[in-house]
């Protein structure tokens, strides 16, 4: 009986670690997407300024 309790605790711990890993990865993906969007807007603004000043 004690063996099954230890296995159950280990499985619960494994599920918790896996869940936290996926949550942290999802947060990093969202933050990375926001920064990519900001960089794209900055590059677009730079390109527009370069085109306007080139006249």
PDB file of N, CA and C in Angstrom:
ATOM      1  N   UNK A   1       0.830  -1.201   0.000  1.00  0.00           N
ATOM      2  CA  UNK A   1       0.000   0.000   0.000  1.00  0.00           C
ATOM      3  C   UNK A   1       0.868   1.255   0.000  1.00  0.00           C
ATOM      4  N   UNK A   2       1.961   1.220   0.785  1.00  0.00           N
ATOM      5  CA  UNK A   2       2.840   2.382   0.858  1.00  0.00           C
ATOM      6  C   UNK A   2       3.481   2.670  -0.496  1.00  0.00           C
ATOM      7  N   UNK A   3       3.778   1.599  -1.258  1.00  0.00           N
ATOM      8  CA  UNK A   3       4.386   1.761  -2.572  1.00  0.00           C
ATOM      9  C   UNK A   3       3.451   2.522  -3.506  1.00  0.00           C
ATOM     10  N   UNK A   4       2.175   2.231  -3.448  1.00  0.00           N
ATOM     11  CA  UNK A   4       1.208   2.909  -4.323  1.00  0.00           C
ATOM     12  C   UNK A   4       1.049   4.388  -3.947  1.00  0.00           C
ATOM     13  N   UNK A   5       1.154   4.700  -2.675  1.00  0.00           N
ATOM     14  CA  UNK A   5       1.074   6.107  -2.243  1.00  0.00           C
ATOM     15  C   UNK A   5       2.279   6.882  -2.772  1.00  0.00           C
ATOM     16  N   UNK A   6       3.463   6.293  -2.691  1.00  0.00           N
ATOM     17  CA  UNK A   6       4.672   6.945  -3.192  1.00  0.00           C
ATOM     18  C   UNK A   6       4.556   7.163  -4.698  1.00  0.00           C
ATOM     19  N   UNK A   7       4.080   6.149  -5.424  1.00  0.00           N
ATOM     20  CA  UNK A   7       3.915   6.279  -6.879  1.00  0.00           C
ATOM     21  C   UNK A   7       2.896   7.367  -7.200  1.00  0.00           C
ATOM     22  N   UNK A   8       1.810   7.430  -6.454  1.00  0.00           N
ATOM     23  CA  UNK A   8       0.791   8.454  -6.687  1.00  0.00           C
ATOM     24  C   UNK A   8       1.348   9.853  -6.431  1.00  0.00           C
ATOM     25  N   UNK A   9       2.115  10.023  -5.371  1.00  0.00           N
ATOM     26  CA  UNK A   9       2.719  11.327  -5.068  1.00  0.00           C
ATOM     27  C   UNK A   9       3.687  11.732  -6.172  1.00  0.00           C
ATOM     28  N   UNK A  10       4.482  10.771  -6.651  1.00  0.00           N
ATOM     29  CA  UNK A  10       5.424  11.076  -7.732  1.00  0.00           C
ATOM     30  C   UNK A  10       4.688  11.464  -9.015  1.00  0.00           C
ATOM     31  N   UNK A  11       3.601  10.778  -9.316  1.00  0.00           N
ATOM     32  CA  UNK A  11       2.822  11.110 -10.519  1.00  0.00           C
ATOM     33  C   UNK A  11       2.182  12.493 -10.392  1.00  0.00           C
ATOM     34  N   UNK A  12       1.687  12.826  -9.216  1.00  0.00           N
ATOM     35  CA  UNK A  12       1.100  14.158  -9.003  1.00  0.00           C
ATOM     36  C   UNK A  12       2.181  15.225  -9.149  1.00  0.00           C
ATOM     37  N   UNK A  13       3.364  14.990  -8.598  1.00  0.00           N
ATOM     38  CA  UNK A  13       4.472  15.939  -8.722  1.00  0.00           C
ATOM     39  C   UNK A  13       4.887  16.091 -10.184  1.00  0.00           C
ATOM     40  N   UNK A  14       4.939  14.989 -10.911  1.00  0.00           N
ATOM     41  CA  UNK A  14       5.297  15.028 -12.334  1.00  0.00           C
ATOM     42  C   UNK A  14       4.273  15.828 -13.132  1.00  0.00           C
ATOM     43  N   UNK A  15       2.990  15.614 -12.845  1.00  0.00           N
ATOM     44  CA  UNK A  15       1.938  16.359 -13.534  1.00  0.00           C
ATOM     45  C   UNK A  15       2.041  17.852 -13.213  1.00  0.00           C
ATOM     46  N   UNK A  16       2.338  18.196 -11.963  1.00  0.00           N
ATOM     47  CA  UNK A  16       2.497  19.606 -11.587  1.00  0.00           C
ATOM     48  C   UNK A  16       3.667  20.259 -12.300  1.00  0.00           C
ATOM     49  N   UNK A  17       4.803  19.575 -12.363  1.00  0.00           N
ATOM     50  CA  UNK A  17       5.972  20.120 -13.049  1.00  0.00           C
ATOM     51  C   UNK A  17       5.690  20.295 -14.539  1.00  0.00           C
ATOM     52  N   UNK A  18       5.040  19.313 -15.152  1.00  0.00           N
ATOM     53  CA  UNK A  18       4.714  19.415 -16.575  1.00  0.00           C
ATOM     54  C   UNK A  18       3.756  20.574 -16.823  1.00  0.00           C
ATOM     55  N   UNK A  19       2.758  20.740 -15.967  1.00  0.00           N
ATOM     56  CA  UNK A  19       1.791  21.831 -16.114  1.00  0.00           C
ATOM     57  C   UNK A  19       2.485  23.183 -16.007  1.00  0.00           C
ATOM     58  N   UNK A  20       3.338  23.348 -14.983  1.00  0.00           N
ATOM     59  CA  UNK A  20       4.057  24.615 -14.815  1.00  0.00           C
ATOM     60  C   UNK A  20       4.991  24.884 -15.993  1.00  0.00           C
ATOM     61  N   UNK A  21       5.618  23.834 -16.519  1.00  0.00           N
ATOM     62  CA  UNK A  21       6.505  24.001 -17.669  1.00  0.00           C
ATOM     63  C   UNK A  21       5.737  24.543 -18.864  1.00  0.00           C
ATOM     64  N   UNK A  22       4.549  23.963 -19.131  1.00  0.00           N
ATOM     65  CA  UNK A  22       3.766  24.426 -20.271  1.00  0.00           C
ATOM     66  C   UNK A  22       3.228  25.829 -20.039  1.00  0.00           C
ATOM     67  N   UNK A  23       2.853  26.162 -18.811  1.00  0.00           N
ATOM     68  CA  UNK A  23       2.355  27.513 -18.519  1.00  0.00           C
ATOM     69  C   UNK A  23       3.463  28.535 -18.716  1.00  0.00           C
ATOM     70  N   UNK A  24       4.658  28.244 -18.215  1.00  0.00           N
ATOM     71  CA  UNK A  24       5.785  29.172 -18.371  1.00  0.00           C
ATOM     72  C   UNK A  24       6.138  29.320 -19.849  1.00  0.00           C
ATOM     73  N   UNK A  25       6.123  28.215 -20.593  1.00  0.00           N
ATOM     74  CA  UNK A  25       6.423  28.291 -22.025  1.00  0.00           C
ATOM     75  C   UNK A  25       5.366  29.131 -22.749  1.00  0.00           C
ATOM     76  N   UNK A  26       4.100  28.985 -22.388  1.00  0.00           N
ATOM     77  CA  UNK A  26       3.043  29.773 -23.028  1.00  0.00           C
ATOM     78  C   UNK A  26       3.226  31.258 -22.727  1.00  0.00           C
ATOM     79  N   UNK A  27       3.588  31.596 -21.488  1.00  0.00           N
ATOM     80  CA  UNK A  27       3.820  32.995 -21.132  1.00  0.00           C
ATOM     81  C   UNK A  27       4.986  33.559 -21.937  1.00  0.00           C
ATOM     82  N   UNK A  28       6.056  32.776 -22.094  1.00  0.00           N
ATOM     83  CA  UNK A  28       7.205  33.233 -22.871  1.00  0.00           C
ATOM     84  C   UNK A  28       6.833  33.426 -24.333  1.00  0.00           C
ATOM     85  N   UNK A  29       5.997  32.549 -24.882  1.00  0.00           N
ATOM     86  CA  UNK A  29       5.564  32.699 -26.275  1.00  0.00           C
ATOM     87  C   UNK A  29       4.757  33.977 -26.445  1.00  0.00           C
ATOM     88  N   UNK A  30       3.865  34.267 -25.498  1.00  0.00           N
ATOM     89  CA  UNK A  30       3.055  35.489 -25.585  1.00  0.00           C
ATOM     90  C   UNK A  30       3.952  36.721 -25.507  1.00  0.00           C
ATOM     91  N   UNK A  31       4.891  36.747 -24.564  1.00  0.00           N
ATOM     92  CA  UNK A  31       5.796  37.895 -24.437  1.00  0.00           C
ATOM     93  C   UNK A  31       6.640  38.044 -25.699  1.00  0.00           C
ATOM     94  N   UNK A  32       7.131  36.952 -26.232  1.00  0.00           N
ATOM     95  CA  UNK A  32       7.913  37.000 -27.472  1.00  0.00           C
ATOM     96  C   UNK A  32       7.093  37.522 -28.637  1.00  0.00           C
ATOM     97  N   UNK A  33       5.837  37.129 -28.722  1.00  0.00           N
ATOM     98  CA  UNK A  33       4.972  37.620 -29.795  1.00  0.00           C
ATOM     99  C   UNK A  33       4.752  39.122 -29.669  1.00  0.00           C
ATOM    100  N   UNK A  34       4.566  39.604 -28.448  1.00  0.00           N
ATOM    101  CA  UNK A  34       4.394  41.047 -28.235  1.00  0.00           C
ATOM    102  C   UNK A  34       5.649  41.794 -28.688  1.00  0.00           C
ATOM    103  N   UNK A  35       6.826  41.296 -28.314  1.00  0.00           N
ATOM    104  CA  UNK A  35       8.062  41.972 -28.709  1.00  0.00           C
ATOM    105  C   UNK A  35       8.266  41.910 -30.219  1.00  0.00           C
ATOM    106  N   UNK A  36       7.879  40.790 -30.858  1.00  0.00           N
ATOM    107  CA  UNK A  36       7.983  40.717 -32.314  1.00  0.00           C
ATOM    108  C   UNK A  36       7.069  41.742 -32.976  1.00  0.00           C
ATOM    109  N   UNK A  37       5.875  41.924 -32.434  1.00  0.00           N
ATOM    110  CA  UNK A  37       4.958  42.925 -32.962  1.00  0.00           C
ATOM    111  C   UNK A  37       5.520  44.329 -32.826  1.00  0.00           C
ATOM    112  N   UNK A  38       6.100  44.625 -31.658  1.00  0.00           N
ATOM    113  CA  UNK A  38       6.709  45.940 -31.438  1.00  0.00           C
ATOM    114  C   UNK A  38       7.857  46.156 -32.413  1.00  0.00           C
ATOM    115  N   UNK A  39       8.672  45.133 -32.627  1.00  0.00           N
ATOM    116  CA  UNK A  39       9.794  45.263 -33.552  1.00  0.00           C
ATOM    117  C   UNK A  39       9.306  45.475 -34.978  1.00  0.00           C
ATOM    118  N   UNK A  40       8.242  44.775 -35.371  1.00  0.00           N
ATOM    119  CA  UNK A  40       7.698  44.948 -36.711  1.00  0.00           C
ATOM    120  C   UNK A  40       7.161  46.364 -36.900  1.00  0.00           C
ATOM    121  N   UNK A  41       6.480  46.892 -35.899  1.00  0.00           N
ATOM    122  CA  UNK A  41       5.973  48.272 -35.983  1.00  0.00           C
ATOM    123  C   UNK A  41       7.133  49.256 -36.059  1.00  0.00           C
ATOM    124  N   UNK A  42       8.184  49.033 -35.276  1.00  0.00           N
ATOM    125  CA  UNK A  42       9.346  49.923 -35.303  1.00  0.00           C
ATOM    126  C   UNK A  42      10.032  49.874 -36.669  1.00  0.00           C
ATOM    127  N   UNK A  43      10.175  48.684 -37.240  1.00  0.00           N
ATOM    128  CA  UNK A  43      10.779  48.577 -38.568  1.00  0.00           C
ATOM    129  C   UNK A  43       9.917  49.243 -39.629  1.00  0.00           C
ATOM    130  N   UNK A  44       8.616  49.109 -39.522  1.00  0.00           N
ATOM    131  CA  UNK A  44       7.713  49.769 -40.463  1.00  0.00           C
ATOM    132  C   UNK A  44       7.827  51.289 -40.349  1.00  0.00           C
ATOM    133  N   UNK A  45       7.880  51.798 -39.121  1.00  0.00           N
ATOM    134  CA  UNK A  45       8.031  53.240 -38.920  1.00  0.00           C
ATOM    135  C   UNK A  45       9.376  53.720 -39.474  1.00  0.00           C
ATOM    136  N   UNK A  46      10.437  52.956 -39.258  1.00  0.00           N
ATOM    137  CA  UNK A  46      11.747  53.318 -39.785  1.00  0.00           C
ATOM    138  C   UNK A  46      11.733  53.345 -41.302  1.00  0.00           C
ATOM    139  N   UNK A  47      11.096  52.368 -41.927  1.00  0.00           N
ATOM    140  CA  UNK A  47      11.013  52.299 -43.386  1.00  0.00           C
ATOM    141  C   UNK A  47      10.215  53.477 -43.936  1.00  0.00           C
ATOM    142  N   UNK A  48       9.114  53.813 -43.269  1.00  0.00           N
ATOM    143  CA  UNK A  48       8.296  54.943 -43.714  1.00  0.00           C
ATOM    144  C   UNK A  48       9.086  56.252 -43.582  1.00  0.00           C
ATOM    145  N   UNK A  49       9.795  56.442 -42.461  1.00  0.00           N
ATOM    146  CA  UNK A  49      10.601  57.650 -42.288  1.00  0.00           C
ATOM    147  C   UNK A  49      11.695  57.725 -43.339  1.00  0.00           C
ATOM    148  N   UNK A  50      12.298  56.599 -43.656  1.00  0.00           N
ATOM    149  CA  UNK A  50      13.363  56.572 -44.659  1.00  0.00           C
ATOM    150  C   UNK A  50      12.799  56.940 -46.021  1.00  0.00           C
ATOM    151  N   UNK A  51      11.609  56.451 -46.345  1.00  0.00           N
ATOM    152  CA  UNK A  51      10.988  56.754 -47.625  1.00  0.00           C
ATOM    153  C   UNK A  51      10.586  58.230 -47.704  1.00  0.00           C
ATOM    154  N   UNK A  52      10.072  58.796 -46.610  1.00  0.00           N
ATOM    155  CA  UNK A  52       9.633  60.186 -46.613  1.00  0.00           C
ATOM    156  C   UNK A  52      10.832  61.121 -46.730  1.00  0.00           C
ATOM    157  N   UNK A  53      11.913  60.833 -46.025  1.00  0.00           N
ATOM    158  CA  UNK A  53      13.081  61.707 -46.055  1.00  0.00           C
ATOM    159  C   UNK A  53      13.890  61.542 -47.342  1.00  0.00           C
ATOM    160  N   UNK A  54      13.616  60.522 -48.120  1.00  0.00           N
ATOM    161  CA  UNK A  54      14.387  60.251 -49.328  1.00  0.00           C
ATOM    162  C   UNK A  54      13.940  61.132 -50.487  1.00  0.00           C
ATOM    163  N   UNK A  55      12.803  61.816 -50.335  1.00  0.00           N
ATOM    164  CA  UNK A  55      12.284  62.630 -51.450  1.00  0.00           C
ATOM    165  C   UNK A  55      13.253  63.683 -51.790  1.00  0.00           C
TER     166      UNK A  55
END
